[in-house]
C-alpha atoms as a PDB file:
ATOM      1  CA  MET A   1      -6.056  14.814  -1.863  1.00  0.00           C
ATOM      2  CA  GLU A   2      -4.602  15.560  -5.304  1.00  0.00           C
ATOM      3  CA  HIS A   3      -3.611  12.049  -6.356  1.00  0.00           C
ATOM      4  CA  ILE A   4      -3.995   8.416  -5.371  1.00  0.00           C
ATOM      5  CA  ASN A   5      -1.625   5.441  -5.494  1.00  0.00           C
ATOM      6  CA  ILE A   6      -2.065   1.760  -6.303  1.00  0.00           C
ATOM      7  CA  VAL A   7      -3.106   0.893  -2.749  1.00  0.00           C
ATOM      8  CA  GLN A   8      -5.981   3.352  -2.955  1.00  0.00           C
ATOM      9  CA  VAL A   9      -6.918   2.113  -6.427  1.00  0.00           C
ATOM     10  CA  LYS A  10      -7.218  -1.392  -4.998  1.00  0.00           C
ATOM     11  CA  GLU A  11      -9.432  -0.026  -2.222  1.00  0.00           C
ATOM     12  CA  ILE A  12     -11.650   1.572  -4.869  1.00  0.00           C
ATOM     13  CA  LEU A  13     -11.896  -1.730  -6.762  1.00  0.00           C
ATOM     14  CA  LYS A  14     -12.919  -3.413  -3.519  1.00  0.00           C
ATOM     15  CA  LYS A  15     -15.580  -0.756  -2.956  1.00  0.00           C
ATOM     16  CA  ILE A  16     -16.915  -1.276  -6.482  1.00  0.00           C
ATOM     17  CA  SER A  17     -17.138  -4.990  -5.776  1.00  0.00           C
ATOM     18  CA  GLU A  18     -19.098  -4.328  -2.578  1.00  0.00           C
ATOM     19  CA  VAL A  19     -21.529  -2.022  -4.357  1.00  0.00           C
ATOM     20  CA  MET A  20     -22.047  -4.522  -7.179  1.00  0.00           C
ATOM     21  CA  ASP A  21     -22.771  -7.224  -4.603  1.00  0.00           C
ATOM     22  CA  GLU A  22     -25.319  -4.948  -2.926  1.00  0.00           C
ATOM     23  CA  ALA A  23     -26.919  -4.106  -6.282  1.00  0.00           C
ATOM     24  CA  LYS A  24     -26.927  -7.687  -7.579  1.00  0.00           C
ATOM     25  CA  ASP A  25     -30.592  -8.477  -7.009  1.00  0.00           C
ATOM     26  CA  TYR A  26     -31.695  -5.080  -8.298  1.00  0.00           C
ATOM     27  CA  LEU A  27     -29.663  -5.530 -11.491  1.00  0.00           C
ATOM     28  CA  ILE A  28     -31.010  -9.057 -11.935  1.00  0.00           C
ATOM     29  CA  ALA A  29     -34.583  -7.752 -11.723  1.00  0.00           C
ATOM     30  CA  LEU A  30     -33.854  -4.821 -14.037  1.00  0.00           C
ATOM     31  CA  ASP A  31     -32.140  -7.029 -16.601  1.00  0.00           C
ATOM     32  CA  GLY A  32     -34.770  -9.733 -16.279  1.00  0.00           C
ATOM     33  CA  ALA A  33     -37.523  -7.375 -17.425  1.00  0.00           C
ATOM     34  CA  MET A  34     -36.310  -7.577 -21.030  1.00  0.00           C
ATOM     35  CA  GLY A  35     -33.015  -9.450 -20.957  1.00  0.00           C
ATOM     36  CA  ASP A  36     -31.709 -12.746 -19.633  1.00  0.00           C
ATOM     37  CA  GLY A  37     -31.448 -11.505 -16.051  1.00  0.00           C
ATOM     38  CA  ASP A  38     -27.812 -12.413 -15.465  1.00  0.00           C
ATOM     39  CA  LEU A  39     -26.325  -8.912 -15.324  1.00  0.00           C
ATOM     40  CA  GLY A  40     -26.288  -8.725 -11.537  1.00  0.00           C
ATOM     41  CA  LEU A  41     -24.432 -12.025 -11.295  1.00  0.00           C
ATOM     42  CA  THR A  42     -22.034 -10.994 -14.056  1.00  0.00           C
ATOM     43  CA  MET A  43     -20.945  -7.780 -12.368  1.00  0.00           C
ATOM     44  CA  SER A  44     -20.883  -9.278  -8.881  1.00  0.00           C
ATOM     45  CA  GLU A  45     -18.775 -12.251  -9.950  1.00  0.00           C
ATOM     46  CA  GLY A  46     -16.549 -10.207 -12.244  1.00  0.00           C
ATOM     47  CA  PHE A  47     -15.540  -7.621  -9.664  1.00  0.00           C
ATOM     48  CA  ARG A  48     -15.228 -10.233  -6.924  1.00  0.00           C
ATOM     49  CA  ALA A  49     -12.722 -12.051  -9.129  1.00  0.00           C
ATOM     50  CA  ILE A  50     -10.814  -8.794  -9.582  1.00  0.00           C
ATOM     51  CA  VAL A  51     -10.597  -8.299  -5.819  1.00  0.00           C
ATOM     52  CA  ASN A  52      -9.371 -11.871  -5.404  1.00  0.00           C
ATOM     53  CA  GLU A  53      -6.666 -11.452  -8.055  1.00  0.00           C
ATOM     54  CA  MET A  54      -5.477  -7.860  -7.709  1.00  0.00           C
ATOM     55  CA  ASP A  55      -2.973  -8.464  -4.897  1.00  0.00           C
ATOM     56  CA  LYS A  56      -1.187 -11.027  -7.056  1.00  0.00           C
ATOM     57  CA  VAL A  57      -0.045  -8.255  -9.392  1.00  0.00           C
ATOM     58  CA  GLU A  58       3.395  -6.981  -8.437  1.00  0.00           C
ATOM     59  CA  GLY A  59       4.668  -3.434  -8.796  1.00  0.00           C
ATOM     60  CA  GLU A  60       3.098  -0.003  -8.473  1.00  0.00           C
ATOM     61  CA  ASP A  61       1.997   0.587 -12.070  1.00  0.00           C
ATOM     62  CA  ILE A  62      -1.685   1.488 -11.810  1.00  0.00           C
ATOM     63  CA  GLY A  63      -2.379   1.197 -15.518  1.00  0.00           C
ATOM     64  CA  ALA A  64      -0.797  -2.236 -15.687  1.00  0.00           C
ATOM     65  CA  LEU A  65      -2.873  -3.400 -12.718  1.00  0.00           C
ATOM     66  CA  ILE A  66      -6.144  -2.211 -14.213  1.00  0.00           C
ATOM     67  CA  GLY A  67      -5.315  -3.681 -17.604  1.00  0.00           C
ATOM     68  CA  LYS A  68      -4.646  -7.070 -16.048  1.00  0.00           C
ATOM     69  CA  MET A  69      -7.870  -6.834 -14.073  1.00  0.00           C
ATOM     70  CA  GLY A  70      -9.654  -6.294 -17.369  1.00  0.00           C
ATOM     71  CA  MET A  71      -8.303  -9.652 -18.473  1.00  0.00           C
ATOM     72  CA  VAL A  72      -9.557 -11.182 -15.223  1.00  0.00           C
ATOM     73  CA  MET A  73     -13.014  -9.772 -15.935  1.00  0.00           C
ATOM     74  CA  ALA A  74     -12.956 -11.133 -19.491  1.00  0.00           C
ATOM     75  CA  ASN A  75     -11.952 -14.611 -18.351  1.00  0.00           C
ATOM     76  CA  THR A  76     -14.380 -14.730 -15.422  1.00  0.00           C
ATOM     77  CA  VAL A  77     -17.563 -13.447 -17.059  1.00  0.00           C
ATOM     78  CA  PRO A  78     -17.288 -13.695 -20.874  1.00  0.00           C
ATOM     79  CA  SER A  79     -20.780 -12.261 -21.398  1.00  0.00           C
ATOM     80  CA  THR A  80     -21.724  -9.143 -23.344  1.00  0.00           C
ATOM     81  CA  MET A  81     -21.414  -6.789 -20.373  1.00  0.00           C
ATOM     82  CA  GLY A  82     -18.432  -8.680 -19.003  1.00  0.00           C
ATOM     83  CA  THR A  83     -16.647  -8.218 -22.320  1.00  0.00           C
ATOM     84  CA  LEU A  84     -17.534  -4.527 -22.530  1.00  0.00           C
ATOM     85  CA  MET A  85     -16.380  -3.915 -18.968  1.00  0.00           C
ATOM     86  CA  ALA A  86     -13.178  -5.844 -19.616  1.00  0.00           C
ATOM     87  CA  THR A  87     -12.548  -3.779 -22.738  1.00  0.00           C
ATOM     88  CA  ALA A  88     -13.068  -0.538 -20.821  1.00  0.00           C
ATOM     89  CA  LEU A  89     -10.627  -1.632 -18.123  1.00  0.00           C
ATOM     90  CA  MET A  90      -7.970  -2.738 -20.596  1.00  0.00           C
ATOM     91  CA  LYS A  91      -8.258   0.360 -22.789  1.00  0.00           C
ATOM     92  CA  GLY A  92      -8.406   2.638 -19.762  1.00  0.00           C
ATOM     93  CA  GLY A  93      -5.446   0.908 -18.164  1.00  0.00           C
ATOM     94  CA  LYS A  94      -3.413   1.394 -21.319  1.00  0.00           C
ATOM     95  CA  ALA A  95      -4.135   5.131 -21.225  1.00  0.00           C
ATOM     96  CA  ILE A  96      -2.516   5.500 -17.797  1.00  0.00           C
ATOM     97  CA  LYS A  97       0.100   2.765 -18.054  1.00  0.00           C
ATOM     98  CA  GLY A  98       3.326   3.526 -16.233  1.00  0.00           C
ATOM     99  CA  LEU A  99       1.773   5.830 -13.638  1.00  0.00           C
ATOM    100  CA  LYS A 100       2.355   5.136  -9.951  1.00  0.00           C
ATOM    101  CA  GLN A 101       0.057   7.967  -8.912  1.00  0.00           C
ATOM    102  CA  ILE A 102      -2.990   9.276 -10.737  1.00  0.00           C
ATOM    103  CA  THR A 103      -4.721  12.646 -10.619  1.00  0.00           C
ATOM    104  CA  LEU A 104      -8.224  13.660 -11.633  1.00  0.00           C
ATOM    105  CA  LYS A 105      -6.865  14.337 -15.129  1.00  0.00           C
ATOM    106  CA  ASP A 106      -5.547  10.779 -15.317  1.00  0.00           C
ATOM    107  CA  MET A 107      -8.922   9.457 -14.200  1.00  0.00           C
ATOM    108  CA  ILE A 108     -10.545  11.450 -16.985  1.00  0.00           C
ATOM    109  CA  ASP A 109      -8.062  10.009 -19.491  1.00  0.00           C
ATOM    110  CA  PHE A 110      -8.833   6.531 -18.155  1.00  0.00           C
ATOM    111  CA  GLY A 111     -12.571   7.087 -18.396  1.00  0.00           C
ATOM    112  CA  GLN A 112     -12.425   8.547 -21.877  1.00  0.00           C
ATOM    113  CA  ALA A 113     -10.293   5.669 -23.148  1.00  0.00           C
ATOM    114  CA  GLY A 114     -12.692   3.190 -21.569  1.00  0.00           C
ATOM    115  CA  ILE A 115     -15.645   4.847 -23.266  1.00  0.00           C
ATOM    116  CA  GLU A 116     -13.919   4.744 -26.645  1.00  0.00           C
ATOM    117  CA  GLY A 117     -13.158   1.065 -26.078  1.00  0.00           C
ATOM    118  CA  ILE A 118     -16.816   0.321 -25.380  1.00  0.00           C
ATOM    119  CA  LYS A 119     -17.898   2.267 -28.458  1.00  0.00           C
ATOM    120  CA  MET A 120     -15.499   0.304 -30.614  1.00  0.00           C
ATOM    121  CA  ARG A 121     -16.316  -3.109 -29.158  1.00  0.00           C
ATOM    122  CA  GLY A 122     -20.052  -2.636 -28.782  1.00  0.00           C
ATOM    123  CA  LYS A 123     -20.607  -0.609 -31.974  1.00  0.00           C
ATOM    124  CA  ALA A 124     -22.715   1.791 -29.917  1.00  0.00           C
ATOM    125  CA  GLU A 125     -22.873   5.522 -29.355  1.00  0.00           C
ATOM    126  CA  VAL A 126     -24.165   7.758 -26.594  1.00  0.00           C
ATOM    127  CA  GLY A 127     -27.961   7.802 -26.865  1.00  0.00           C
ATOM    128  CA  ASP A 128     -28.272   4.156 -27.890  1.00  0.00           C
ATOM    129  CA  LYS A 129     -29.525   3.071 -24.440  1.00  0.00           C
ATOM    130  CA  THR A 130     -26.332   1.417 -23.193  1.00  0.00           C
ATOM    131  CA  ILE A 131     -23.774   1.862 -20.420  1.00  0.00           C
ATOM    132  CA  LEU A 132     -22.391   4.789 -22.430  1.00  0.00           C
ATOM    133  CA  ASP A 133     -25.418   6.850 -21.427  1.00  0.00           C
ATOM    134  CA  SER A 134     -24.242   6.981 -17.823  1.00  0.00           C
ATOM    135  CA  LEU A 135     -20.476   6.811 -18.334  1.00  0.00           C
ATOM    136  CA  HIS A 136     -20.315   9.663 -20.843  1.00  0.00           C
ATOM    137  CA  PRO A 137     -22.094  12.312 -18.736  1.00  0.00           C
ATOM    138  CA  ALA A 138     -20.098  11.220 -15.693  1.00  0.00           C
ATOM    139  CA  VAL A 139     -16.758  11.711 -17.450  1.00  0.00           C
ATOM    140  CA  GLU A 140     -17.950  15.023 -18.906  1.00  0.00           C
ATOM    141  CA  SER A 141     -18.801  16.053 -15.350  1.00  0.00           C
ATOM    142  CA  LEU A 142     -15.276  15.146 -14.226  1.00  0.00           C
ATOM    143  CA  LYS A 143     -13.880  17.403 -16.931  1.00  0.00           C
ATOM    144  CA  LYS A 144     -15.903  20.328 -15.589  1.00  0.00           C
ATOM    145  CA  SER A 145     -14.789  19.500 -12.049  1.00  0.00           C
ATOM    146  CA  LYS A 146     -11.159  19.581 -13.133  1.00  0.00           C
ATOM    147  CA  GLU A 147     -11.660  23.028 -14.654  1.00  0.00           C
ATOM    148  CA  SER A 148     -13.263  24.157 -11.399  1.00  0.00           C
ATOM    149  CA  GLN A 149     -10.430  22.557  -9.392  1.00  0.00           C
ATOM    150  CA  LEU A 150     -12.780  20.472  -7.259  1.00  0.00           C
ATOM    151  CA  ASP A 151     -11.358  17.760  -5.018  1.00  0.00           C
ATOM    152  CA  PHE A 152     -11.981  14.063  -5.621  1.00  0.00           C
ATOM    153  CA  ARG A 153     -14.977  13.886  -3.300  1.00  0.00           C
ATOM    154  CA  GLU A 154     -16.867  16.771  -4.891  1.00  0.00           C
ATOM    155  CA  ALA A 155     -15.822  15.748  -8.404  1.00  0.00           C
ATOM    156  CA  PHE A 156     -17.110  12.207  -8.024  1.00  0.00           C
ATOM    157  CA  LYS A 157     -20.232  13.359  -6.201  1.00  0.00           C
ATOM    158  CA  ASP A 158     -21.134  15.414  -9.269  1.00  0.00           C
ATOM    159  CA  ALA A 159     -20.071  12.606 -11.616  1.00  0.00           C
ATOM    160  CA  TYR A 160     -22.244  10.089  -9.784  1.00  0.00           C
ATOM    161  CA  GLU A 161     -25.218  12.437  -9.987  1.00  0.00           C
ATOM    162  CA  ALA A 162     -24.597  12.916 -13.712  1.00  0.00           C
ATOM    163  CA  ALA A 163     -24.380   9.150 -14.206  1.00  0.00           C
ATOM    164  CA  GLU A 164     -27.622   8.672 -12.281  1.00  0.00           C
ATOM    165  CA  VAL A 165     -29.432  11.218 -14.447  1.00  0.00           C
ATOM    166  CA  GLY A 166     -28.028   9.542 -17.562  1.00  0.00           C
ATOM    167  CA  ALA A 167     -29.209   6.118 -16.419  1.00  0.00           C
ATOM    168  CA  ILE A 168     -32.709   7.366 -15.608  1.00  0.00           C
ATOM    169  CA  MET A 169     -32.977   9.124 -18.977  1.00  0.00           C
ATOM    170  CA  THR A 170     -32.546   5.784 -20.764  1.00  0.00           C
ATOM    171  CA  LYS A 171     -36.169   5.076 -19.839  1.00  0.00           C
ATOM    172  CA  ASP A 172     -37.119   7.412 -22.687  1.00  0.00           C
ATOM    173  CA  ILE A 173     -34.970   5.624 -25.294  1.00  0.00           C
ATOM    174  CA  LYS A 174     -35.842   2.620 -27.449  1.00  0.00           C
ATOM    175  CA  SER A 175     -33.417  -0.298 -27.078  1.00  0.00           C
ATOM    176  CA  LYS A 176     -31.178  -1.088 -30.057  1.00  0.00           C
ATOM    177  CA  PHE A 177     -29.049  -3.871 -28.610  1.00  0.00           C
ATOM    178  CA  GLY A 178     -29.474  -7.249 -26.910  1.00  0.00           C
ATOM    179  CA  ARG A 179     -32.725  -9.030 -26.196  1.00  0.00           C
ATOM    180  CA  ALA A 180     -34.383  -5.755 -25.224  1.00  0.00           C
ATOM    181  CA  ALA A 181     -34.149  -4.648 -28.870  1.00  0.00           C
ATOM    182  CA  TYR A 182     -36.782  -7.258 -29.761  1.00  0.00           C
ATOM    183  CA  TYR A 183     -39.324  -5.298 -27.742  1.00  0.00           C
ATOM    184  CA  GLY A 184     -38.892  -2.224 -29.942  1.00  0.00           C
ATOM    185  CA  GLU A 185     -41.106   0.611 -28.724  1.00  0.00           C
ATOM    186  CA  GLY A 186     -42.065  -1.620 -25.803  1.00  0.00           C
ATOM    187  CA  SER A 187     -38.603  -1.118 -24.333  1.00  0.00           C
ATOM    188  CA  ILE A 188     -39.391   2.548 -23.709  1.00  0.00           C
ATOM    189  CA  GLY A 189     -40.135   3.095 -20.044  1.00  0.00           C
ATOM    190  CA  ASN A 190     -37.537   0.586 -18.864  1.00  0.00           C
ATOM    191  CA  GLN A 191     -34.229   1.825 -17.456  1.00  0.00           C
ATOM    192  CA  ASP A 192     -31.241   0.313 -19.215  1.00  0.00           C
ATOM    193  CA  PRO A 193     -29.425  -2.204 -16.971  1.00  0.00           C
ATOM    194  CA  GLY A 194     -26.034  -1.419 -18.516  1.00  0.00           C
ATOM    195  CA  ALA A 195     -26.398   2.302 -17.882  1.00  0.00           C
ATOM    196  CA  THR A 196     -27.383   1.410 -14.332  1.00  0.00           C
ATOM    197  CA  VAL A 197     -24.134  -0.527 -13.935  1.00  0.00           C
ATOM    198  CA  GLY A 198     -22.277   2.608 -15.017  1.00  0.00           C
ATOM    199  CA  MET A 199     -24.171   4.582 -12.400  1.00  0.00           C
ATOM    200  CA  PHE A 200     -23.197   2.087  -9.691  1.00  0.00           C
ATOM    201  CA  LEU A 201     -19.537   2.321 -10.724  1.00  0.00           C
ATOM    202  CA  PHE A 202     -19.522   6.034 -10.032  1.00  0.00           C
ATOM    203  CA  LYS A 203     -21.604   5.591  -6.902  1.00  0.00           C
ATOM    204  CA  ALA A 204     -18.925   3.267  -5.527  1.00  0.00           C
ATOM    205  CA  ILE A 205     -16.075   5.638  -6.358  1.00  0.00           C
ATOM    206  CA  TYR A 206     -17.940   8.550  -4.785  1.00  0.00           C
ATOM    207  CA  GLU A 207     -18.688   6.540  -1.642  1.00  0.00           C
ATOM    208  CA  TYR A 208     -14.989   5.701  -1.368  1.00  0.00           C
ATOM    209  CA  PHE A 209     -13.873   9.338  -1.531  1.00  0.00           C
ATOM    210  CA  LYS A 210     -16.761  10.485   0.680  1.00  0.00           C
ATOM    211  CA  CYS A 211     -15.230   8.529   3.557  1.00  0.00           C
ATOM    212  CA  LYS A 212     -11.755  10.005   3.080  1.00  0.00           C
END
Protein backbone atom coordinates (compact mmCIF):
# COMPACT_ATOMS: atom_id res chain seq x y z
CA MET A 1 0.00 0.00 0.00
CA GLU A 2 1.62 3.24 -1.18
CA HIS A 3 -1.31 5.62 -0.76
CA ILE A 4 -4.78 5.84 0.73
CA ASN A 5 -7.98 7.54 -0.43
CA ILE A 6 -10.77 9.40 1.36
CA VAL A 7 -12.65 6.20 2.18
CA GLN A 8 -9.63 4.86 4.03
CA VAL A 9 -9.08 8.20 5.76
CA LYS A 10 -12.64 8.00 7.08
CA GLU A 11 -11.94 4.47 8.32
CA ILE A 12 -8.88 5.80 10.16
CA LEU A 13 -10.96 8.57 11.76
CA LYS A 14 -13.44 5.93 12.89
CA LYS A 15 -10.61 3.87 14.38
CA ILE A 16 -9.30 6.92 16.24
CA SER A 17 -12.78 7.47 17.64
CA GLU A 18 -12.93 3.86 18.84
CA VAL A 19 -9.54 4.11 20.52
CA MET A 20 -10.47 7.38 22.22
CA ASP A 21 -13.66 5.77 23.51
CA GLU A 22 -11.64 2.85 24.88
CA ALA A 23 -9.13 5.23 26.50
CA LYS A 24 -11.75 7.61 27.90
CA ASP A 25 -11.67 6.45 31.51
CA TYR A 26 -7.88 6.21 31.53
CA LEU A 27 -7.56 9.77 30.19
CA ILE A 28 -10.11 11.02 32.72
CA ALA A 29 -8.07 9.51 35.56
CA LEU A 30 -4.79 10.82 34.16
CA ASP A 31 -6.17 14.31 33.64
CA GLY A 32 -7.95 14.27 36.99
CA ALA A 33 -4.68 13.85 38.87
CA MET A 34 -3.75 17.49 38.26
CA GLY A 35 -6.32 18.87 35.84
CA ASP A 36 -10.09 19.09 35.60
CA GLY A 37 -10.50 15.48 34.48
CA ASP A 38 -12.52 16.15 31.34
CA LEU A 39 -9.92 15.21 28.73
CA GLY A 40 -11.26 11.71 28.16
CA LEU A 41 -14.76 13.06 27.54
CA THR A 42 -13.41 15.81 25.30
CA MET A 43 -11.57 13.47 22.97
CA SER A 44 -14.28 10.81 22.99
CA GLU A 45 -17.03 13.30 22.19
CA GLY A 46 -14.94 15.25 19.70
CA PHE A 47 -13.97 12.28 17.55
CA ARG A 48 -17.44 10.74 17.82
CA ALA A 49 -18.84 13.98 16.39
CA ILE A 50 -16.33 13.76 13.55
CA VAL A 51 -17.44 10.23 12.71
CA ASN A 52 -21.07 11.35 12.75
CA GLU A 53 -20.39 14.29 10.42
CA MET A 54 -17.71 13.06 8.03
CA ASP A 55 -20.04 11.32 5.56
CA LYS A 56 -21.91 14.59 5.05
CA VAL A 57 -18.87 16.06 3.32
CA GLU A 58 -19.07 15.61 -0.43
CA GLY A 59 -16.17 15.06 -2.80
CA GLU A 60 -12.86 13.23 -2.57
CA ASP A 61 -10.61 16.03 -1.30
CA ILE A 62 -8.92 14.59 1.78
CA GLY A 63 -7.52 17.89 2.99
CA ALA A 64 -10.89 19.58 2.72
CA LEU A 65 -12.52 16.76 4.69
CA ILE A 66 -9.99 16.92 7.50
CA GLY A 67 -10.16 20.70 7.66
CA LYS A 68 -13.93 20.58 8.02
CA MET A 69 -13.63 17.92 10.69
CA GLY A 70 -11.36 20.29 12.57
CA MET A 71 -14.23 22.76 12.61
CA VAL A 72 -16.52 20.00 13.91
CA MET A 73 -14.06 19.33 16.72
CA ALA A 74 -13.86 23.03 17.58
CA ASN A 75 -17.63 23.41 17.71
CA THR A 76 -18.24 20.19 19.64
CA VAL A 77 -15.59 20.46 22.36
CA PRO A 78 -14.37 24.08 22.67
CA SER A 79 -11.95 23.22 25.48
CA THR A 80 -8.19 23.71 25.53
CA MET A 81 -7.39 20.30 24.05
CA GLY A 82 -10.41 20.42 21.76
CA THR A 83 -9.17 23.72 20.36
CA LEU A 84 -5.61 22.46 19.93
CA MET A 85 -6.80 19.29 18.20
CA ALA A 86 -9.11 21.32 15.97
CA THR A 87 -6.24 23.62 15.06
CA ALA A 88 -4.01 20.66 14.18
CA LEU A 89 -6.71 19.18 11.96
CA MET A 90 -7.42 22.45 10.18
CA LYS A 91 -3.76 23.34 9.64
CA GLY A 92 -2.92 19.78 8.62
CA GLY A 93 -5.88 19.64 6.27
CA LYS A 94 -4.76 22.84 4.60
CA ALA A 95 -1.32 21.33 3.97
CA ILE A 96 -2.80 18.48 1.91
CA LYS A 97 -5.81 20.28 0.45
CA GLY A 98 -6.75 19.16 -3.04
CA LEU A 99 -5.34 15.65 -2.71
CA LYS A 100 -7.57 12.67 -3.47
CA GLN A 101 -4.87 10.21 -2.44
CA ILE A 102 -2.17 10.68 0.17
CA THR A 103 1.21 9.02 0.60
CA LEU A 104 3.46 8.74 3.63
CA LYS A 105 5.07 12.03 2.56
CA ASP A 106 1.67 13.71 2.59
CA MET A 107 0.99 12.31 6.05
CA ILE A 108 4.28 13.78 7.22
CA ASP A 109 3.33 17.15 5.72
CA PHE A 110 -0.03 16.91 7.47
CA GLY A 111 1.57 16.02 10.78
CA GLN A 112 4.19 18.74 10.58
CA ALA A 113 1.59 21.38 9.75
CA GLY A 114 -0.55 20.19 12.64
CA ILE A 115 2.38 20.45 15.02
CA GLU A 116 3.16 23.98 13.87
CA GLY A 117 -0.50 24.88 14.37
CA ILE A 118 -0.43 23.60 17.94
CA LYS A 119 2.79 25.48 18.65
CA MET A 120 1.27 28.69 17.37
CA ARG A 121 -2.07 28.31 19.13
CA GLY A 122 -0.79 26.89 22.39
CA LYS A 123 2.41 28.97 22.60
CA ALA A 124 4.27 25.78 23.48
CA GLU A 125 7.36 23.98 22.27
CA VAL A 126 8.58 20.40 22.35
CA GLY A 127 9.76 19.70 25.90
CA ASP A 128 7.06 21.78 27.58
CA LYS A 129 5.08 18.69 28.69
CA THR A 130 2.26 18.90 26.14
CA ILE A 131 0.85 16.86 23.26
CA LEU A 132 3.84 18.05 21.21
CA ASP A 133 6.07 15.70 23.19
CA SER A 134 4.44 12.67 21.60
CA LEU A 135 3.46 14.11 18.22
CA HIS A 136 6.91 15.48 17.40
CA PRO A 137 8.88 12.24 17.88
CA ALA A 138 6.17 10.33 16.02
CA VAL A 139 6.39 12.58 12.96
CA GLU A 140 10.20 12.50 13.10
CA SER A 141 9.92 8.71 13.10
CA LEU A 142 7.72 8.86 9.99
CA LYS A 143 10.39 10.91 8.25
CA LYS A 144 12.97 8.21 8.95
CA SER A 145 10.53 5.54 7.76
CA LYS A 146 10.04 7.40 4.50
CA GLU A 147 13.81 7.50 3.96
CA SER A 148 13.94 3.77 4.65
CA GLN A 149 10.97 3.17 2.32
CA LEU A 150 8.94 1.36 4.97
CA ASP A 151 5.28 0.58 4.30
CA PHE A 152 2.45 2.21 6.24
CA ARG A 153 2.19 -0.58 8.80
CA GLU A 154 5.87 -0.56 9.75
CA ALA A 155 6.08 3.23 9.57
CA PHE A 156 3.18 3.76 11.95
CA LYS A 157 4.32 0.94 14.23
CA ASP A 158 7.58 2.82 14.73
CA ALA A 159 5.76 6.16 15.01
CA TYR A 160 3.42 4.81 17.67
CA GLU A 161 6.37 3.47 19.65
CA ALA A 162 8.10 6.85 19.37
CA ALA A 163 4.94 8.62 20.53
CA GLU A 164 4.64 6.23 23.47
CA VAL A 165 8.23 6.90 24.55
CA GLY A 166 7.61 10.64 24.21
CA ALA A 167 4.48 10.46 26.35
CA ILE A 168 6.21 8.44 29.07
CA MET A 169 9.16 10.85 29.13
CA THR A 170 6.82 13.70 30.11
CA LYS A 171 6.82 12.20 33.61
CA ASP A 172 10.26 13.78 34.03
CA ILE A 173 9.14 17.28 32.98
CA LYS A 174 7.60 20.03 35.10
CA SER A 175 4.23 21.27 33.80
CA LYS A 176 4.11 24.79 32.36
CA PHE A 177 0.52 24.93 31.17
CA GLY A 178 -3.00 24.41 32.52
CA ARG A 179 -3.96 23.56 36.07
CA ALA A 180 -1.02 21.17 36.36
CA ALA A 181 1.33 24.17 36.21
CA TYR A 182 0.12 25.21 39.67
CA TYR A 183 1.73 22.09 41.11
CA GLY A 184 5.18 23.17 39.92
CA GLU A 185 7.78 20.57 40.84
CA GLY A 186 4.93 18.42 42.14
CA SER A 187 3.84 17.77 38.57
CA ILE A 188 7.02 15.78 37.96
CA GLY A 189 6.25 12.08 38.00
CA ASN A 190 2.87 12.49 36.31
CA GLN A 191 2.50 11.60 32.63
CA ASP A 192 1.05 14.45 30.59
CA PRO A 193 -2.54 13.70 29.50
CA GLY A 194 -2.16 15.67 26.26
CA ALA A 195 0.95 13.76 25.23
CA THR A 196 -0.98 10.59 26.02
CA VAL A 197 -3.72 11.67 23.62
CA GLY A 198 -1.05 12.06 20.94
CA MET A 199 0.16 8.56 21.69
CA PHE A 200 -3.37 7.17 21.32
CA LEU A 201 -3.75 8.93 17.96
CA PHE A 202 -0.78 7.06 16.57
CA LYS A 203 -1.84 3.85 18.28
CA ALA A 204 -5.15 4.04 16.42
CA ILE A 205 -3.52 4.70 13.05
CA TYR A 206 -1.09 1.83 13.58
CA GLU A 207 -3.89 -0.53 14.58
CA TYR A 208 -5.74 0.41 11.40
CA PHE A 209 -2.80 -0.39 9.12
CA LYS A 210 -1.88 -3.49 11.14
CA CYS A 211 -5.16 -5.08 10.03
CA LYS A 212 -4.62 -4.28 6.35
